[in-house]
C-alpha cells in the first residue's frame, strides 16, 4: 500500500480504509478455509500483510499469531475497522519475538 504524507488526507483515509477492508475479506476467507491449508510461506505472508514481521518466527508461532488475529477480526464489525487497524499495531509490536541467538 503506497502512502505518502504529501497526499491529501481524504485519499489517505480512502486507501487505509480499502486496505483494512481487503484484510477483513482475507480474514473471512481464512476463517472458512482454515489455517491448516496454508503453506509455511503463505503463513508468513499472511502475518506480514497484517503487520507482523515474521522473519524470526517459525511456522507454529506464525500460526498462533494468526489464530489470535482471526479471533479478534471475526468479533469486529466493519464499522470497527479503526479498532482493527490499531490492533494491527498493538498485536504486532507486543508479540513475543524470537531473536536469533548470538554464537559465543
N, C-alpha and C. Protein backbone atom coordinates (compact mmCIF):
# COMPACT_ATOMS: atom_id res chain seq x y z
N UNK A 1 0.86 -1.16 0.00
CA UNK A 1 0.00 0.00 0.00
C UNK A 1 0.90 1.23 0.00
N UNK A 2 0.75 2.08 -0.98
CA UNK A 2 1.57 3.28 -1.11
C UNK A 2 0.89 4.43 -0.38
N UNK A 3 1.55 4.93 0.65
CA UNK A 3 1.05 6.09 1.39
C UNK A 3 2.17 7.10 1.51
N UNK A 4 1.83 8.35 1.34
CA UNK A 4 2.79 9.43 1.45
C UNK A 4 2.15 10.55 2.27
N UNK A 5 2.91 11.17 3.16
CA UNK A 5 2.32 12.25 3.95
C UNK A 5 1.97 13.48 3.10
N UNK A 6 2.39 13.48 1.86
CA UNK A 6 2.11 14.61 0.98
C UNK A 6 0.78 14.46 0.25
N UNK A 7 0.12 13.34 0.45
CA UNK A 7 -1.18 13.12 -0.16
C UNK A 7 -2.26 13.83 0.64
N UNK A 8 -3.33 14.23 -0.01
CA UNK A 8 -4.45 14.82 0.74
C UNK A 8 -5.03 13.79 1.70
N UNK A 9 -5.52 14.26 2.83
CA UNK A 9 -5.99 13.36 3.88
C UNK A 9 -7.14 12.48 3.44
N UNK A 10 -8.02 12.97 2.56
CA UNK A 10 -9.14 12.13 2.13
C UNK A 10 -8.67 10.94 1.29
N UNK A 11 -7.57 11.11 0.56
CA UNK A 11 -7.02 9.99 -0.21
C UNK A 11 -6.36 8.99 0.74
N UNK A 12 -5.63 9.49 1.73
CA UNK A 12 -5.02 8.60 2.72
C UNK A 12 -6.08 7.78 3.45
N UNK A 13 -7.17 8.43 3.88
CA UNK A 13 -8.25 7.73 4.57
C UNK A 13 -8.86 6.66 3.67
N UNK A 14 -9.08 6.99 2.41
CA UNK A 14 -9.66 6.03 1.47
C UNK A 14 -8.75 4.82 1.28
N UNK A 15 -7.46 5.06 1.11
CA UNK A 15 -6.51 3.95 0.90
C UNK A 15 -6.41 3.06 2.13
N UNK A 16 -6.36 3.67 3.30
CA UNK A 16 -6.27 2.88 4.54
C UNK A 16 -7.54 2.08 4.73
N UNK A 17 -8.70 2.71 4.51
CA UNK A 17 -9.97 2.00 4.68
C UNK A 17 -10.09 0.85 3.68
N UNK A 18 -9.68 1.06 2.44
CA UNK A 18 -9.77 -0.02 1.45
C UNK A 18 -8.80 -1.15 1.79
N UNK A 19 -7.63 -0.81 2.34
CA UNK A 19 -6.65 -1.83 2.73
C UNK A 19 -7.19 -2.68 3.88
N UNK A 20 -7.77 -2.05 4.87
CA UNK A 20 -8.28 -2.82 6.01
C UNK A 20 -9.49 -3.65 5.59
N UNK A 21 -10.31 -3.16 4.67
CA UNK A 21 -11.45 -3.95 4.21
C UNK A 21 -10.96 -5.16 3.40
N UNK A 22 -9.88 -4.99 2.67
CA UNK A 22 -9.29 -6.12 1.94
C UNK A 22 -8.79 -7.18 2.93
N UNK A 23 -8.15 -6.73 4.00
CA UNK A 23 -7.69 -7.66 5.03
C UNK A 23 -8.88 -8.36 5.67
N UNK A 24 -9.96 -7.65 5.92
CA UNK A 24 -11.15 -8.26 6.51
C UNK A 24 -11.70 -9.37 5.60
N UNK A 25 -11.72 -9.12 4.29
CA UNK A 25 -12.18 -10.14 3.35
C UNK A 25 -11.24 -11.35 3.35
N UNK A 26 -9.95 -11.09 3.42
CA UNK A 26 -8.98 -12.19 3.51
C UNK A 26 -9.18 -12.98 4.80
N UNK A 27 -9.47 -12.28 5.89
CA UNK A 27 -9.72 -12.95 7.17
C UNK A 27 -10.94 -13.85 7.08
N UNK A 28 -11.99 -13.37 6.45
CA UNK A 28 -13.20 -14.19 6.28
C UNK A 28 -12.89 -15.44 5.45
N UNK A 29 -12.08 -15.28 4.41
CA UNK A 29 -11.71 -16.43 3.59
C UNK A 29 -10.85 -17.42 4.38
N UNK A 30 -9.92 -16.90 5.20
CA UNK A 30 -9.10 -17.77 6.02
C UNK A 30 -9.93 -18.52 7.06
N UNK A 31 -10.92 -17.84 7.62
CA UNK A 31 -11.79 -18.50 8.59
C UNK A 31 -12.56 -19.65 7.96
N UNK A 32 -13.01 -19.47 6.73
CA UNK A 32 -13.76 -20.54 6.08
C UNK A 32 -12.84 -21.64 5.54
N UNK A 33 -11.65 -21.27 5.08
CA UNK A 33 -10.70 -22.23 4.53
C UNK A 33 -9.99 -23.00 5.64
N UNK A 34 -9.53 -22.29 6.64
CA UNK A 34 -8.77 -22.90 7.73
C UNK A 34 -7.28 -22.69 7.54
N UNK A 35 -6.58 -22.43 8.62
CA UNK A 35 -5.14 -22.18 8.55
C UNK A 35 -4.34 -23.42 8.19
N UNK A 36 -4.91 -24.59 8.43
CA UNK A 36 -4.19 -25.83 8.13
C UNK A 36 -3.92 -26.01 6.63
N UNK A 37 -4.65 -25.26 5.81
CA UNK A 37 -4.48 -25.34 4.35
C UNK A 37 -3.31 -24.49 3.84
N UNK A 38 -2.74 -23.64 4.69
CA UNK A 38 -1.69 -22.73 4.24
C UNK A 38 -0.31 -23.36 4.38
N UNK A 39 0.55 -23.07 3.41
CA UNK A 39 1.95 -23.49 3.50
C UNK A 39 2.68 -22.55 4.45
N UNK A 40 3.92 -22.87 4.77
CA UNK A 40 4.70 -22.01 5.67
C UNK A 40 4.90 -20.62 5.07
N UNK A 41 5.18 -20.54 3.77
CA UNK A 41 5.35 -19.24 3.12
C UNK A 41 4.05 -18.45 3.14
N UNK A 42 2.93 -19.12 2.93
CA UNK A 42 1.64 -18.43 2.96
C UNK A 42 1.32 -17.93 4.37
N UNK A 43 1.70 -18.71 5.39
CA UNK A 43 1.50 -18.25 6.77
C UNK A 43 2.31 -16.99 7.03
N UNK A 44 3.57 -17.01 6.62
CA UNK A 44 4.44 -15.83 6.82
C UNK A 44 3.90 -14.61 6.07
N UNK A 45 3.44 -14.83 4.86
CA UNK A 45 2.89 -13.73 4.06
C UNK A 45 1.62 -13.18 4.70
N UNK A 46 0.77 -14.07 5.21
CA UNK A 46 -0.46 -13.62 5.88
C UNK A 46 -0.13 -12.78 7.10
N UNK A 47 0.90 -13.18 7.85
CA UNK A 47 1.33 -12.38 9.01
C UNK A 47 1.86 -11.02 8.56
N UNK A 48 2.67 -11.03 7.51
CA UNK A 48 3.26 -9.79 7.02
C UNK A 48 2.20 -8.79 6.56
N UNK A 49 1.21 -9.28 5.84
CA UNK A 49 0.14 -8.41 5.34
C UNK A 49 -0.61 -7.76 6.51
N UNK A 50 -0.66 -8.45 7.65
CA UNK A 50 -1.36 -7.95 8.82
C UNK A 50 -0.45 -7.19 9.78
N UNK A 51 0.80 -6.96 9.38
CA UNK A 51 1.68 -6.08 10.14
C UNK A 51 2.70 -6.76 11.03
N UNK A 52 2.82 -8.08 10.99
CA UNK A 52 3.78 -8.78 11.84
C UNK A 52 5.02 -9.14 11.03
N UNK A 53 6.17 -8.77 11.55
CA UNK A 53 7.44 -9.17 10.94
C UNK A 53 7.73 -10.59 11.40
N UNK A 54 7.54 -11.54 10.53
CA UNK A 54 7.65 -12.95 10.90
C UNK A 54 8.99 -13.57 10.53
N UNK A 55 10.00 -12.76 10.32
CA UNK A 55 11.30 -13.26 9.89
C UNK A 55 11.89 -14.23 10.91
N UNK A 56 11.78 -13.91 12.20
CA UNK A 56 12.39 -14.73 13.24
C UNK A 56 11.39 -15.67 13.91
N UNK A 57 10.26 -15.91 13.28
CA UNK A 57 9.24 -16.79 13.85
C UNK A 57 9.16 -18.07 13.04
N UNK A 58 8.88 -19.16 13.72
CA UNK A 58 8.68 -20.41 12.99
C UNK A 58 7.20 -20.51 12.57
N UNK A 59 6.87 -21.53 11.84
CA UNK A 59 5.51 -21.68 11.31
C UNK A 59 4.48 -21.78 12.42
N UNK A 60 4.81 -22.48 13.52
CA UNK A 60 3.87 -22.63 14.63
C UNK A 60 3.58 -21.29 15.29
N UNK A 61 4.61 -20.44 15.43
CA UNK A 61 4.41 -19.12 16.03
C UNK A 61 3.59 -18.22 15.11
N UNK A 62 3.83 -18.30 13.81
CA UNK A 62 3.02 -17.54 12.86
C UNK A 62 1.56 -17.98 12.92
N UNK A 63 1.36 -19.27 12.98
CA UNK A 63 0.00 -19.81 13.04
C UNK A 63 -0.70 -19.38 14.33
N UNK A 64 0.03 -19.41 15.45
CA UNK A 64 -0.53 -18.97 16.73
C UNK A 64 -0.96 -17.50 16.66
N UNK A 65 -0.10 -16.65 16.10
CA UNK A 65 -0.42 -15.23 15.98
C UNK A 65 -1.64 -15.03 15.08
N UNK A 66 -1.68 -15.75 13.96
CA UNK A 66 -2.81 -15.62 13.04
C UNK A 66 -4.12 -16.08 13.68
N UNK A 67 -4.05 -17.12 14.49
CA UNK A 67 -5.26 -17.58 15.18
C UNK A 67 -5.79 -16.47 16.09
N UNK A 68 -4.89 -15.81 16.83
CA UNK A 68 -5.30 -14.70 17.70
C UNK A 68 -5.87 -13.55 16.88
N UNK A 69 -5.22 -13.25 15.77
CA UNK A 69 -5.69 -12.17 14.89
C UNK A 69 -7.08 -12.48 14.35
N UNK A 70 -7.27 -13.70 13.86
CA UNK A 70 -8.55 -14.07 13.26
C UNK A 70 -9.66 -14.09 14.30
N UNK A 71 -9.36 -14.46 15.53
CA UNK A 71 -10.36 -14.41 16.59
C UNK A 71 -10.84 -12.99 16.81
N UNK A 72 -9.90 -12.05 16.84
CA UNK A 72 -10.26 -10.64 17.01
C UNK A 72 -11.01 -10.13 15.80
N UNK A 73 -10.51 -10.41 14.62
CA UNK A 73 -11.12 -9.92 13.39
C UNK A 73 -12.56 -10.42 13.23
N UNK A 74 -12.79 -11.67 13.63
CA UNK A 74 -14.12 -12.26 13.50
C UNK A 74 -15.14 -11.56 14.41
N UNK A 75 -14.70 -11.06 15.55
CA UNK A 75 -15.60 -10.43 16.51
C UNK A 75 -15.97 -9.00 16.13
N UNK A 76 -15.13 -8.36 15.32
CA UNK A 76 -15.35 -6.95 15.00
C UNK A 76 -16.27 -6.77 13.80
N UNK A 77 -17.00 -5.68 13.82
CA UNK A 77 -17.88 -5.32 12.70
C UNK A 77 -17.09 -4.46 11.71
N UNK A 78 -17.65 -4.30 10.52
CA UNK A 78 -16.99 -3.45 9.52
C UNK A 78 -16.84 -2.02 10.02
N UNK A 79 -17.79 -1.56 10.83
CA UNK A 79 -17.74 -0.19 11.34
C UNK A 79 -16.62 -0.01 12.37
N UNK A 80 -16.02 -1.10 12.83
CA UNK A 80 -14.95 -1.04 13.82
C UNK A 80 -13.58 -1.25 13.17
N UNK A 81 -13.45 -0.83 11.93
CA UNK A 81 -12.20 -1.00 11.19
C UNK A 81 -11.04 -0.27 11.86
N UNK A 82 -11.32 0.86 12.48
CA UNK A 82 -10.27 1.62 13.16
C UNK A 82 -9.67 0.81 14.29
N UNK A 83 -10.51 0.09 15.03
CA UNK A 83 -10.00 -0.77 16.11
C UNK A 83 -9.11 -1.87 15.55
N UNK A 84 -9.49 -2.43 14.42
CA UNK A 84 -8.68 -3.47 13.80
C UNK A 84 -7.32 -2.92 13.36
N UNK A 85 -7.31 -1.70 12.84
CA UNK A 85 -6.04 -1.07 12.45
C UNK A 85 -5.14 -0.85 13.66
N UNK A 86 -5.71 -0.37 14.74
CA UNK A 86 -4.91 -0.17 15.95
C UNK A 86 -4.46 -1.51 16.53
N UNK A 87 -5.29 -2.51 16.42
CA UNK A 87 -4.93 -3.84 16.90
C UNK A 87 -3.75 -4.38 16.11
N UNK A 88 -3.69 -4.03 14.83
CA UNK A 88 -2.59 -4.46 13.98
C UNK A 88 -1.27 -4.00 14.59
N UNK A 89 -1.23 -2.77 15.05
CA UNK A 89 -0.01 -2.22 15.66
C UNK A 89 0.25 -2.87 17.01
N UNK A 90 -0.79 -2.95 17.84
CA UNK A 90 -0.61 -3.49 19.19
C UNK A 90 -0.24 -4.97 19.19
N UNK A 91 -0.91 -5.77 18.39
CA UNK A 91 -0.61 -7.20 18.36
C UNK A 91 0.77 -7.47 17.78
N UNK A 92 1.17 -6.70 16.79
CA UNK A 92 2.47 -6.91 16.15
C UNK A 92 3.61 -6.45 17.03
N UNK A 93 3.45 -5.31 17.67
CA UNK A 93 4.51 -4.76 18.50
C UNK A 93 4.72 -5.58 19.76
N UNK A 94 3.64 -6.04 20.34
CA UNK A 94 3.72 -6.73 21.62
C UNK A 94 3.87 -8.24 21.50
N UNK A 95 3.94 -8.76 20.29
CA UNK A 95 4.09 -10.20 20.14
C UNK A 95 5.51 -10.59 20.48
N UNK A 96 5.66 -11.65 21.24
CA UNK A 96 6.98 -12.12 21.65
C UNK A 96 7.77 -12.53 20.42
N UNK A 97 8.82 -11.80 20.17
CA UNK A 97 9.65 -12.08 19.00
C UNK A 97 10.84 -12.92 19.43
N UNK A 98 11.09 -13.95 18.68
CA UNK A 98 12.24 -14.80 18.94
C UNK A 98 13.44 -14.19 18.23
N UNK A 99 14.42 -13.77 18.98
CA UNK A 99 15.60 -13.16 18.39
C UNK A 99 16.63 -14.23 18.08
N UNK A 100 17.40 -14.04 17.03
CA UNK A 100 18.42 -15.04 16.72
C UNK A 100 19.46 -15.09 17.85
N UNK A 101 19.86 -16.30 18.18
CA UNK A 101 20.84 -16.47 19.26
C UNK A 101 22.22 -16.07 18.76
N UNK A 102 22.94 -15.40 19.63
CA UNK A 102 24.31 -14.99 19.28
C UNK A 102 25.25 -16.15 19.61
N UNK A 103 26.16 -16.42 18.71
CA UNK A 103 27.12 -17.50 18.97
C UNK A 103 28.21 -16.97 19.88
N UNK A 104 28.58 -17.79 20.84
CA UNK A 104 29.60 -17.36 21.82
C UNK A 104 30.94 -17.93 21.48
